[in-house]
Structures are given as structure tokens and as C-alpha cells.
Amino acid sequence: MNSECLLKWSKLLEYDFFRLYSQHLMLYSPPTYSGRDISKTKKGNNSDFPVFRKNLYTQEIILFILEQVRLGEKTKNQIMEDYRIPKTTLYKWLEKYKEKI
């Protein structure tokens, strides 16, 4: 399905189908340089273009990940490995969202 058709369906059904895809990209994208200095590039990269990784996690993604831990579907270590989430970030989420999960 092309994006124009998906946009029409999103408007018609009043649901953001693009969010599903963008959240999937954020979760499963490969790790890259996370700095903001545009003069630096990734080590070993011969390109002159900087490489960025935005660590933006929506509330839905955070709650989904924490729900997996709560239900025992994945361990904390599996979450950190599969989604490349730092240990400190995961534990901060567990503390912050403990009432919601």
C-alpha cells in the first residue's frame, strides 16, 4: 500500500497508521552515534555525513516494554539486548511507571 493511500485511510478512520510503523523503526533500528555535534561522524565511516540516533520513546512504547517485563514475557536483560535500551533508562522507567503497569 502506498503512503498516499495509507494517509487517506488514516484520515477516513481518524487513526494514525504511520505511528505504528515509526514506533517499529525506533524500536528495531540499529545503534548509531547518538551525539549532536554535526562535525563528528561515526567511527570507521568514510562518509562526510553525520550519523544520528534519536532515542525517542513514546508512552505507548514504554508501557509496552514494561508490560513485557511485568508479565514475564521477557527479562530485563532481554529487553536491554533486544531493544538496546540502557540499563539505567529501563530502571528509571520501572520506577517512574510502576503505578501504570
N, C-alpha and C. Protein backbone atom coordinates (compact mmCIF):
# COMPACT_ATOMS: atom_id res chain seq x y z
N MET A 1 0.85 -1.17 0.00
CA MET A 1 0.00 0.00 0.00
C MET A 1 0.90 1.23 0.00
N ASN A 2 0.64 2.15 -0.88
CA ASN A 2 1.48 3.34 -0.92
C ASN A 2 1.07 4.32 0.18
N SER A 3 1.94 5.28 0.45
CA SER A 3 1.72 6.20 1.58
C SER A 3 0.52 7.11 1.36
N GLU A 4 0.25 7.47 0.12
CA GLU A 4 -0.90 8.33 -0.16
C GLU A 4 -2.21 7.62 0.21
N CYS A 5 -2.31 6.36 -0.15
CA CYS A 5 -3.49 5.58 0.19
C CYS A 5 -3.61 5.40 1.70
N LEU A 6 -2.48 5.14 2.35
CA LEU A 6 -2.48 4.97 3.80
C LEU A 6 -2.89 6.27 4.50
N LEU A 7 -2.45 7.40 3.98
CA LEU A 7 -2.83 8.69 4.53
C LEU A 7 -4.34 8.91 4.41
N LYS A 8 -4.91 8.54 3.27
CA LYS A 8 -6.36 8.68 3.09
C LYS A 8 -7.13 7.82 4.09
N TRP A 9 -6.67 6.57 4.27
CA TRP A 9 -7.32 5.69 5.25
C TRP A 9 -7.16 6.22 6.66
N SER A 10 -6.00 6.79 6.96
CA SER A 10 -5.77 7.36 8.29
C SER A 10 -6.73 8.50 8.56
N LYS A 11 -6.93 9.35 7.56
CA LYS A 11 -7.86 10.46 7.72
C LYS A 11 -9.30 9.97 7.83
N LEU A 12 -9.65 9.02 7.00
CA LEU A 12 -11.01 8.49 6.99
C LEU A 12 -11.36 7.82 8.32
N LEU A 13 -10.44 7.01 8.82
CA LEU A 13 -10.70 6.26 10.06
C LEU A 13 -10.27 7.01 11.32
N GLU A 14 -9.66 8.19 11.11
CA GLU A 14 -9.16 9.01 12.21
C GLU A 14 -8.23 8.22 13.12
N TYR A 15 -7.30 7.51 12.49
CA TYR A 15 -6.31 6.72 13.20
C TYR A 15 -4.95 6.88 12.51
N ASP A 16 -3.91 7.09 13.29
CA ASP A 16 -2.58 7.33 12.74
C ASP A 16 -1.87 6.00 12.48
N PHE A 17 -2.01 5.47 11.27
CA PHE A 17 -1.35 4.22 10.91
C PHE A 17 0.16 4.40 10.76
N PHE A 18 0.61 5.61 10.52
CA PHE A 18 2.04 5.87 10.38
C PHE A 18 2.76 5.71 11.71
N ARG A 19 2.07 5.96 12.81
CA ARG A 19 2.69 5.85 14.12
C ARG A 19 3.15 4.41 14.38
N LEU A 20 2.37 3.44 13.96
CA LEU A 20 2.74 2.04 14.15
C LEU A 20 4.08 1.75 13.49
N TYR A 21 4.25 2.23 12.27
CA TYR A 21 5.48 1.99 11.53
C TYR A 21 6.66 2.74 12.15
N SER A 22 6.44 4.01 12.52
CA SER A 22 7.54 4.80 13.07
C SER A 22 7.98 4.25 14.43
N GLN A 23 7.05 3.75 15.25
CA GLN A 23 7.43 3.15 16.52
C GLN A 23 8.23 1.88 16.30
N HIS A 24 7.86 1.11 15.31
CA HIS A 24 8.61 -0.10 14.99
C HIS A 24 10.03 0.26 14.56
N LEU A 25 10.18 1.31 13.77
CA LEU A 25 11.51 1.73 13.34
C LEU A 25 12.37 2.17 14.52
N MET A 26 11.76 2.88 15.47
CA MET A 26 12.52 3.33 16.64
C MET A 26 12.98 2.16 17.48
N LEU A 27 12.14 1.16 17.63
CA LEU A 27 12.50 0.01 18.47
C LEU A 27 13.58 -0.86 17.85
N TYR A 28 13.50 -1.06 16.56
CA TYR A 28 14.38 -2.04 15.91
C TYR A 28 15.48 -1.43 15.06
N SER A 29 15.68 -0.12 15.13
CA SER A 29 16.74 0.48 14.34
C SER A 29 18.09 0.13 14.93
N PRO A 30 19.10 -0.02 14.10
CA PRO A 30 20.42 -0.38 14.61
C PRO A 30 21.04 0.77 15.40
N PRO A 31 21.89 0.46 16.37
CA PRO A 31 22.51 1.54 17.15
C PRO A 31 23.48 2.34 16.30
N THR A 32 23.46 3.63 16.50
CA THR A 32 24.36 4.52 15.78
C THR A 32 24.86 5.58 16.74
N TYR A 33 25.67 6.48 16.24
CA TYR A 33 26.21 7.57 17.04
C TYR A 33 25.06 8.42 17.56
N SER A 34 25.08 8.76 18.85
CA SER A 34 23.95 9.48 19.44
C SER A 34 24.30 10.92 19.80
N GLY A 35 25.45 11.41 19.38
CA GLY A 35 25.83 12.78 19.70
C GLY A 35 25.12 13.79 18.83
N ARG A 36 25.20 15.04 19.24
CA ARG A 36 24.53 16.09 18.48
C ARG A 36 25.52 16.95 17.70
N ASP A 37 26.79 16.73 17.88
CA ASP A 37 27.79 17.51 17.18
C ASP A 37 27.84 17.07 15.72
N ILE A 38 27.38 17.95 14.82
CA ILE A 38 27.28 17.54 13.42
C ILE A 38 28.64 17.44 12.75
N SER A 39 29.69 17.90 13.42
CA SER A 39 31.01 17.80 12.80
C SER A 39 31.61 16.41 12.99
N LYS A 40 31.05 15.62 13.92
CA LYS A 40 31.58 14.28 14.16
C LYS A 40 30.80 13.27 13.35
N THR A 41 31.50 12.26 12.89
CA THR A 41 30.85 11.17 12.18
C THR A 41 31.15 9.88 12.91
N LYS A 42 30.45 8.84 12.55
CA LYS A 42 30.64 7.53 13.17
C LYS A 42 32.03 7.00 12.86
N LYS A 43 32.65 6.34 13.84
CA LYS A 43 34.00 5.77 13.63
C LYS A 43 33.99 4.80 12.47
N GLY A 44 34.99 4.90 11.66
CA GLY A 44 35.13 3.98 10.55
C GLY A 44 34.24 4.33 9.37
N ASN A 45 33.46 5.36 9.50
CA ASN A 45 32.54 5.76 8.43
C ASN A 45 33.28 6.74 7.52
N ASN A 46 33.40 6.40 6.27
CA ASN A 46 34.11 7.26 5.32
C ASN A 46 33.26 8.39 4.80
N SER A 47 32.01 8.39 5.16
CA SER A 47 31.09 9.41 4.70
C SER A 47 31.31 10.71 5.47
N ASP A 48 31.02 11.83 4.81
CA ASP A 48 31.12 13.13 5.47
C ASP A 48 29.83 13.49 6.20
N PHE A 49 28.82 12.64 6.08
CA PHE A 49 27.54 12.93 6.71
C PHE A 49 27.53 12.44 8.15
N PRO A 50 26.98 13.23 9.07
CA PRO A 50 26.88 12.77 10.46
C PRO A 50 25.81 11.70 10.59
N VAL A 51 25.96 10.87 11.60
CA VAL A 51 25.01 9.79 11.85
C VAL A 51 24.36 10.05 13.20
N PHE A 52 23.04 10.10 13.23
CA PHE A 52 22.31 10.39 14.46
C PHE A 52 21.40 9.22 14.82
N ARG A 53 21.12 9.11 16.09
CA ARG A 53 20.09 8.18 16.56
C ARG A 53 19.28 8.94 17.60
N LYS A 54 18.01 9.07 17.32
CA LYS A 54 17.13 9.73 18.27
C LYS A 54 16.55 8.68 19.19
N ASN A 55 16.75 8.86 20.46
CA ASN A 55 16.20 7.92 21.43
C ASN A 55 14.88 8.48 21.94
N LEU A 56 13.89 8.44 21.09
CA LEU A 56 12.57 8.92 21.46
C LEU A 56 11.67 7.73 21.69
N TYR A 57 11.18 7.63 22.88
CA TYR A 57 10.28 6.54 23.21
C TYR A 57 8.94 7.14 23.61
N THR A 58 7.91 6.78 22.90
CA THR A 58 6.58 7.28 23.24
C THR A 58 6.08 6.52 24.47
N GLN A 59 5.06 7.08 25.08
CA GLN A 59 4.47 6.45 26.26
C GLN A 59 3.98 5.04 25.94
N GLU A 60 3.43 4.85 24.74
CA GLU A 60 2.93 3.54 24.34
C GLU A 60 4.06 2.52 24.28
N ILE A 61 5.20 2.92 23.74
CA ILE A 61 6.35 2.02 23.64
C ILE A 61 6.87 1.67 25.03
N ILE A 62 6.98 2.67 25.89
CA ILE A 62 7.48 2.43 27.25
C ILE A 62 6.56 1.46 27.98
N LEU A 63 5.25 1.71 27.91
CA LEU A 63 4.31 0.84 28.61
C LEU A 63 4.30 -0.57 28.02
N PHE A 64 4.46 -0.69 26.70
CA PHE A 64 4.54 -1.99 26.06
C PHE A 64 5.75 -2.78 26.58
N ILE A 65 6.88 -2.12 26.67
CA ILE A 65 8.11 -2.77 27.14
C ILE A 65 7.97 -3.17 28.61
N LEU A 66 7.44 -2.28 29.42
CA LEU A 66 7.28 -2.58 30.84
C LEU A 66 6.26 -3.68 31.08
N GLU A 67 5.26 -3.75 30.22
CA GLU A 67 4.25 -4.81 30.33
C GLU A 67 4.89 -6.17 30.04
N GLN A 68 5.82 -6.21 29.11
CA GLN A 68 6.52 -7.46 28.81
C GLN A 68 7.32 -7.94 30.02
N VAL A 69 7.92 -7.00 30.74
CA VAL A 69 8.67 -7.36 31.94
C VAL A 69 7.70 -7.83 33.03
N ARG A 70 6.62 -7.12 33.21
CA ARG A 70 5.66 -7.45 34.27
C ARG A 70 5.04 -8.83 34.05
N LEU A 71 4.69 -9.14 32.81
CA LEU A 71 4.06 -10.42 32.52
C LEU A 71 5.05 -11.58 32.44
N GLY A 72 6.34 -11.25 32.47
CA GLY A 72 7.36 -12.29 32.41
C GLY A 72 7.64 -12.79 31.01
N GLU A 73 7.15 -12.06 30.00
CA GLU A 73 7.41 -12.46 28.61
C GLU A 73 8.88 -12.31 28.27
N LYS A 74 9.52 -11.27 28.84
CA LYS A 74 10.94 -11.04 28.63
C LYS A 74 11.56 -10.61 29.95
N THR A 75 12.82 -10.95 30.13
CA THR A 75 13.54 -10.49 31.31
C THR A 75 14.08 -9.09 31.04
N LYS A 76 14.55 -8.45 32.07
CA LYS A 76 15.12 -7.10 31.92
C LYS A 76 16.33 -7.16 30.99
N ASN A 77 17.13 -8.20 31.12
CA ASN A 77 18.31 -8.33 30.25
C ASN A 77 17.91 -8.52 28.79
N GLN A 78 16.85 -9.30 28.56
CA GLN A 78 16.38 -9.49 27.18
C GLN A 78 15.88 -8.17 26.60
N ILE A 79 15.18 -7.37 27.40
CA ILE A 79 14.70 -6.07 26.95
C ILE A 79 15.88 -5.19 26.56
N MET A 80 16.90 -5.16 27.41
CA MET A 80 18.06 -4.32 27.13
C MET A 80 18.79 -4.77 25.86
N GLU A 81 18.88 -6.07 25.64
CA GLU A 81 19.55 -6.58 24.45
C GLU A 81 18.70 -6.40 23.20
N ASP A 82 17.42 -6.77 23.28
CA ASP A 82 16.56 -6.73 22.09
C ASP A 82 16.29 -5.31 21.60
N TYR A 83 16.02 -4.41 22.54
CA TYR A 83 15.64 -3.05 22.15
C TYR A 83 16.76 -2.04 22.32
N ARG A 84 17.92 -2.51 22.80
CA ARG A 84 19.10 -1.65 23.00
C ARG A 84 18.78 -0.46 23.91
N ILE A 85 18.10 -0.75 24.99
CA ILE A 85 17.77 0.28 25.96
C ILE A 85 18.78 0.19 27.09
N PRO A 86 19.39 1.31 27.47
CA PRO A 86 20.37 1.27 28.56
C PRO A 86 19.73 0.82 29.88
N LYS A 87 20.53 0.17 30.70
CA LYS A 87 20.05 -0.36 31.97
C LYS A 87 19.45 0.74 32.84
N THR A 88 20.14 1.88 32.91
CA THR A 88 19.64 2.97 33.75
C THR A 88 18.29 3.48 33.27
N THR A 89 18.12 3.55 31.96
CA THR A 89 16.85 4.01 31.40
C THR A 89 15.73 3.06 31.76
N LEU A 90 15.97 1.77 31.61
CA LEU A 90 14.95 0.78 31.93
C LEU A 90 14.55 0.85 33.40
N TYR A 91 15.52 0.95 34.28
CA TYR A 91 15.21 1.00 35.71
C TYR A 91 14.51 2.31 36.09
N LYS A 92 14.84 3.40 35.41
CA LYS A 92 14.12 4.66 35.65
C LYS A 92 12.66 4.53 35.21
N TRP A 93 12.44 3.88 34.08
CA TRP A 93 11.06 3.65 33.62
C TRP A 93 10.30 2.79 34.61
N LEU A 94 10.94 1.73 35.11
CA LEU A 94 10.28 0.84 36.06
C LEU A 94 9.86 1.60 37.32
N GLU A 95 10.70 2.50 37.77
CA GLU A 95 10.38 3.29 38.95
C GLU A 95 9.30 4.34 38.65
N LYS A 96 9.43 4.99 37.52
CA LYS A 96 8.51 6.08 37.18
C LYS A 96 7.11 5.59 36.86
N TYR A 97 7.00 4.45 36.17
CA TYR A 97 5.72 3.96 35.69
C TYR A 97 5.19 2.76 36.49
N LYS A 98 5.68 2.57 37.71
CA LYS A 98 5.27 1.39 38.47
C LYS A 98 3.77 1.37 38.78
N GLU A 99 3.14 2.53 38.87
CA GLU A 99 1.70 2.58 39.13
C GLU A 99 0.89 2.20 37.89
N LYS A 100 1.45 2.47 36.71
CA LYS A 100 0.70 2.24 35.47
C LYS A 100 0.78 0.80 34.96
N ILE A 101 1.77 0.05 35.45
CA ILE A 101 1.88 -1.33 34.94
C ILE A 101 1.39 -2.35 35.90
